[in-house]
Amino acid sequence: MNKRAMIAAAGASLMSLALVSAPVAAQQKEKCFGIAKAGQNDCANLAGSHSCAGQSKLDMDKGEWKYVAKGTCKDMKGLSADEAKAMTKS
């Protein structure tokens, strides 16, 4: 095997490894509502008033969320999606 082919094979292996590990990393996170600082949310809010990250206006808004390591949301005094929906309806 020549040097060029070996480098190409190594690169292909690294790329496939990255593609396989990305879903695993996503599975180890959960949405945690009510912990994001203003401008530091991860995506759309519950109210639907925006659909992008970094658009929250208030600290600790119950309708805004951030991804956190699975199992740590409650330690941060955060809410699950169902809890946040129930709180924003009342």
N, C-alpha and C. Protein backbone atom coordinates (compact mmCIF):
# COMPACT_ATOMS: atom_id res chain seq x y z
N MET A 1 0.85 -1.17 0.00
CA MET A 1 0.00 0.00 0.00
C MET A 1 0.90 1.24 0.00
N ASN A 2 0.65 2.14 -0.92
CA ASN A 2 1.50 3.32 -0.96
C ASN A 2 1.06 4.35 0.10
N LYS A 3 1.90 5.34 0.30
CA LYS A 3 1.67 6.34 1.34
C LYS A 3 0.37 7.11 1.14
N ARG A 4 0.09 7.47 -0.09
CA ARG A 4 -1.11 8.25 -0.39
C ARG A 4 -2.39 7.46 -0.08
N ALA A 5 -2.41 6.20 -0.44
CA ALA A 5 -3.57 5.36 -0.17
C ALA A 5 -3.75 5.14 1.33
N MET A 6 -2.66 5.01 2.06
CA MET A 6 -2.72 4.81 3.49
C MET A 6 -3.28 6.06 4.18
N ILE A 7 -2.87 7.23 3.74
CA ILE A 7 -3.39 8.48 4.31
C ILE A 7 -4.88 8.62 4.01
N ALA A 8 -5.28 8.29 2.80
CA ALA A 8 -6.70 8.36 2.43
C ALA A 8 -7.53 7.40 3.27
N ALA A 9 -7.02 6.20 3.49
CA ALA A 9 -7.74 5.22 4.30
C ALA A 9 -7.87 5.69 5.75
N ALA A 10 -6.80 6.26 6.27
CA ALA A 10 -6.83 6.77 7.64
C ALA A 10 -7.84 7.91 7.76
N GLY A 11 -7.86 8.80 6.79
CA GLY A 11 -8.81 9.91 6.79
C GLY A 11 -10.25 9.42 6.72
N ALA A 12 -10.49 8.44 5.88
CA ALA A 12 -11.84 7.87 5.77
C ALA A 12 -12.27 7.22 7.08
N SER A 13 -11.34 6.56 7.74
CA SER A 13 -11.66 5.93 9.03
C SER A 13 -12.02 6.98 10.07
N LEU A 14 -11.28 8.05 10.12
CA LEU A 14 -11.57 9.11 11.08
C LEU A 14 -12.92 9.77 10.81
N MET A 15 -13.22 9.99 9.54
CA MET A 15 -14.50 10.60 9.18
C MET A 15 -15.66 9.70 9.58
N SER A 16 -15.56 8.41 9.33
CA SER A 16 -16.65 7.50 9.68
C SER A 16 -16.80 7.39 11.20
N LEU A 17 -15.70 7.46 11.91
CA LEU A 17 -15.75 7.44 13.37
C LEU A 17 -16.49 8.66 13.90
N ALA A 18 -16.22 9.82 13.32
CA ALA A 18 -16.88 11.05 13.74
C ALA A 18 -18.38 10.98 13.48
N LEU A 19 -18.77 10.41 12.36
CA LEU A 19 -20.19 10.30 12.03
C LEU A 19 -20.92 9.33 12.95
N VAL A 20 -20.24 8.29 13.38
CA VAL A 20 -20.86 7.32 14.27
C VAL A 20 -20.96 7.86 15.69
N SER A 21 -19.99 8.62 16.15
CA SER A 21 -19.99 9.10 17.53
C SER A 21 -20.91 10.30 17.75
N ALA A 22 -21.26 11.05 16.73
CA ALA A 22 -22.12 12.22 16.89
C ALA A 22 -23.49 11.87 17.46
N PRO A 23 -24.19 10.87 16.94
CA PRO A 23 -25.49 10.53 17.53
C PRO A 23 -25.38 10.06 18.97
N VAL A 24 -24.30 9.39 19.32
CA VAL A 24 -24.11 8.94 20.69
C VAL A 24 -24.00 10.15 21.61
N ALA A 25 -23.26 11.17 21.21
CA ALA A 25 -23.12 12.37 22.01
C ALA A 25 -24.47 13.06 22.20
N ALA A 26 -25.28 13.10 21.16
CA ALA A 26 -26.60 13.73 21.25
C ALA A 26 -27.51 12.96 22.20
N GLN A 27 -27.37 11.65 22.25
CA GLN A 27 -28.19 10.83 23.14
C GLN A 27 -27.82 11.05 24.61
N GLN A 28 -26.66 11.58 24.88
CA GLN A 28 -26.22 11.78 26.25
C GLN A 28 -26.55 13.17 26.76
N LYS A 29 -27.40 13.89 26.05
CA LYS A 29 -27.81 15.23 26.45
C LYS A 29 -29.33 15.28 26.53
N GLU A 30 -29.83 16.27 27.26
CA GLU A 30 -31.26 16.49 27.36
C GLU A 30 -31.55 17.98 27.38
N LYS A 31 -32.75 18.34 26.96
CA LYS A 31 -33.17 19.74 27.02
C LYS A 31 -33.53 20.06 28.46
N CYS A 32 -33.00 21.18 28.95
CA CYS A 32 -33.28 21.62 30.30
C CYS A 32 -33.85 23.04 30.22
N PHE A 33 -35.09 23.18 30.62
CA PHE A 33 -35.79 24.46 30.53
C PHE A 33 -35.61 25.28 31.80
N GLY A 34 -35.58 26.60 31.62
CA GLY A 34 -35.53 27.51 32.76
C GLY A 34 -34.15 27.77 33.32
N ILE A 35 -33.10 27.38 32.62
CA ILE A 35 -31.74 27.61 33.15
C ILE A 35 -30.91 28.53 32.27
N ALA A 36 -31.40 28.85 31.09
CA ALA A 36 -30.60 29.64 30.13
C ALA A 36 -30.58 31.11 30.52
N LYS A 37 -29.42 31.70 30.43
CA LYS A 37 -29.28 33.15 30.61
C LYS A 37 -29.73 33.83 29.33
N ALA A 38 -30.05 35.11 29.42
CA ALA A 38 -30.48 35.87 28.24
C ALA A 38 -29.43 35.77 27.14
N GLY A 39 -29.89 35.41 25.95
CA GLY A 39 -28.99 35.28 24.81
C GLY A 39 -28.19 34.00 24.76
N GLN A 40 -28.44 33.06 25.67
CA GLN A 40 -27.65 31.84 25.70
C GLN A 40 -28.49 30.57 25.57
N ASN A 41 -29.72 30.69 25.06
CA ASN A 41 -30.55 29.51 24.83
C ASN A 41 -30.00 28.73 23.64
N ASP A 42 -30.39 27.45 23.54
CA ASP A 42 -29.86 26.61 22.47
C ASP A 42 -30.73 26.58 21.21
N CYS A 43 -32.01 26.84 21.30
CA CYS A 43 -32.84 26.85 20.09
C CYS A 43 -34.19 27.47 20.40
N ALA A 44 -35.20 27.12 19.61
CA ALA A 44 -36.53 27.71 19.70
C ALA A 44 -37.12 27.59 21.11
N ASN A 45 -37.97 28.55 21.46
CA ASN A 45 -38.62 28.50 22.77
C ASN A 45 -39.99 27.85 22.68
N LEU A 46 -40.60 27.60 23.82
CA LEU A 46 -41.91 26.96 23.85
C LEU A 46 -43.00 27.83 23.23
N ALA A 47 -42.92 29.14 23.42
CA ALA A 47 -43.96 30.04 22.92
C ALA A 47 -43.95 30.19 21.41
N GLY A 48 -42.83 29.85 20.79
CA GLY A 48 -42.72 29.97 19.34
C GLY A 48 -42.43 31.39 18.87
N SER A 49 -42.01 32.25 19.78
CA SER A 49 -41.72 33.64 19.39
C SER A 49 -40.37 33.80 18.72
N HIS A 50 -39.52 32.78 18.79
CA HIS A 50 -38.27 32.76 18.02
C HIS A 50 -37.89 31.31 17.76
N SER A 51 -37.02 31.12 16.79
CA SER A 51 -36.67 29.75 16.41
C SER A 51 -35.17 29.50 16.35
N CYS A 52 -34.39 30.38 16.97
CA CYS A 52 -32.94 30.22 16.88
C CYS A 52 -32.27 30.35 18.23
N ALA A 53 -31.06 29.83 18.29
CA ALA A 53 -30.24 29.95 19.49
C ALA A 53 -29.84 31.39 19.71
N GLY A 54 -29.65 31.73 20.98
CA GLY A 54 -29.15 33.05 21.33
C GLY A 54 -30.17 34.17 21.25
N GLN A 55 -31.45 33.85 21.18
CA GLN A 55 -32.47 34.89 21.05
C GLN A 55 -33.32 35.08 22.30
N SER A 56 -33.00 34.42 23.39
CA SER A 56 -33.78 34.61 24.62
C SER A 56 -33.52 36.01 25.16
N LYS A 57 -34.54 36.58 25.76
CA LYS A 57 -34.46 37.97 26.26
C LYS A 57 -34.28 38.05 27.77
N LEU A 58 -34.68 37.00 28.50
CA LEU A 58 -34.64 37.01 29.96
C LEU A 58 -33.80 35.87 30.50
N ASP A 59 -33.17 36.10 31.64
CA ASP A 59 -32.47 35.02 32.34
C ASP A 59 -33.51 34.06 32.93
N MET A 60 -33.23 32.79 32.86
CA MET A 60 -34.02 31.73 33.49
C MET A 60 -35.49 31.70 33.06
N ASP A 61 -35.77 32.08 31.83
CA ASP A 61 -37.12 32.02 31.29
C ASP A 61 -37.54 30.55 31.19
N LYS A 62 -38.70 30.22 31.73
CA LYS A 62 -39.17 28.82 31.76
C LYS A 62 -39.42 28.25 30.36
N GLY A 63 -39.59 29.09 29.36
CA GLY A 63 -39.83 28.63 28.00
C GLY A 63 -38.57 28.44 27.18
N GLU A 64 -37.42 28.83 27.71
CA GLU A 64 -36.13 28.71 27.01
C GLU A 64 -35.37 27.51 27.56
N TRP A 65 -34.54 26.91 26.71
CA TRP A 65 -33.81 25.72 27.14
C TRP A 65 -32.38 25.71 26.64
N LYS A 66 -31.60 24.84 27.29
CA LYS A 66 -30.22 24.56 26.90
C LYS A 66 -30.03 23.05 26.96
N TYR A 67 -29.13 22.53 26.13
CA TYR A 67 -28.75 21.13 26.25
C TYR A 67 -27.79 20.98 27.42
N VAL A 68 -28.04 19.98 28.25
CA VAL A 68 -27.15 19.67 29.37
C VAL A 68 -26.91 18.17 29.38
N ALA A 69 -25.91 17.75 30.10
CA ALA A 69 -25.63 16.31 30.22
C ALA A 69 -26.84 15.62 30.85
N LYS A 70 -27.19 14.48 30.29
CA LYS A 70 -28.37 13.74 30.75
C LYS A 70 -28.26 13.47 32.26
N GLY A 71 -29.34 13.77 32.97
CA GLY A 71 -29.38 13.53 34.40
C GLY A 71 -28.94 14.70 35.26
N THR A 72 -28.52 15.81 34.65
CA THR A 72 -28.03 16.95 35.45
C THR A 72 -29.02 18.11 35.52
N CYS A 73 -30.10 18.06 34.77
CA CYS A 73 -31.04 19.18 34.71
C CYS A 73 -31.63 19.49 36.08
N LYS A 74 -32.08 18.50 36.79
CA LYS A 74 -32.70 18.71 38.11
C LYS A 74 -31.70 19.31 39.10
N ASP A 75 -30.43 18.91 38.99
CA ASP A 75 -29.39 19.47 39.86
C ASP A 75 -29.23 20.97 39.64
N MET A 76 -29.53 21.43 38.41
CA MET A 76 -29.42 22.84 38.06
C MET A 76 -30.72 23.60 38.31
N LYS A 77 -31.67 22.93 38.94
CA LYS A 77 -33.00 23.51 39.21
C LYS A 77 -33.77 23.78 37.92
N GLY A 78 -33.52 22.95 36.90
CA GLY A 78 -34.20 23.10 35.62
C GLY A 78 -35.46 22.26 35.55
N LEU A 79 -36.16 22.39 34.43
CA LEU A 79 -37.43 21.71 34.22
C LEU A 79 -37.36 20.84 32.97
N SER A 80 -38.15 19.77 32.97
CA SER A 80 -38.31 18.98 31.76
C SER A 80 -39.24 19.74 30.82
N ALA A 81 -39.37 19.28 29.58
CA ALA A 81 -40.25 19.94 28.62
C ALA A 81 -41.70 19.93 29.12
N ASP A 82 -42.15 18.81 29.66
CA ASP A 82 -43.53 18.71 30.15
C ASP A 82 -43.77 19.66 31.33
N GLU A 83 -42.81 19.74 32.24
CA GLU A 83 -42.95 20.64 33.38
C GLU A 83 -42.99 22.09 32.92
N ALA A 84 -42.12 22.43 31.98
CA ALA A 84 -42.08 23.80 31.47
C ALA A 84 -43.37 24.17 30.74
N LYS A 85 -43.92 23.24 29.96
CA LYS A 85 -45.18 23.49 29.27
C LYS A 85 -46.31 23.72 30.27
N ALA A 86 -46.35 22.91 31.32
CA ALA A 86 -47.39 23.07 32.34
C ALA A 86 -47.26 24.41 33.05
N MET A 87 -46.06 24.85 33.30
CA MET A 87 -45.85 26.13 34.02
C MET A 87 -46.16 27.33 33.13
N THR A 88 -45.91 27.22 31.85
CA THR A 88 -46.16 28.38 30.98
C THR A 88 -47.64 28.51 30.63
N LYS A 89 -48.42 27.45 30.79
CA LYS A 89 -49.86 27.53 30.52
C LYS A 89 -50.60 28.22 31.65
N SER A 90 -50.10 28.11 32.87
CA SER A 90 -50.82 28.69 34.01
C SER A 90 -50.55 30.16 34.20
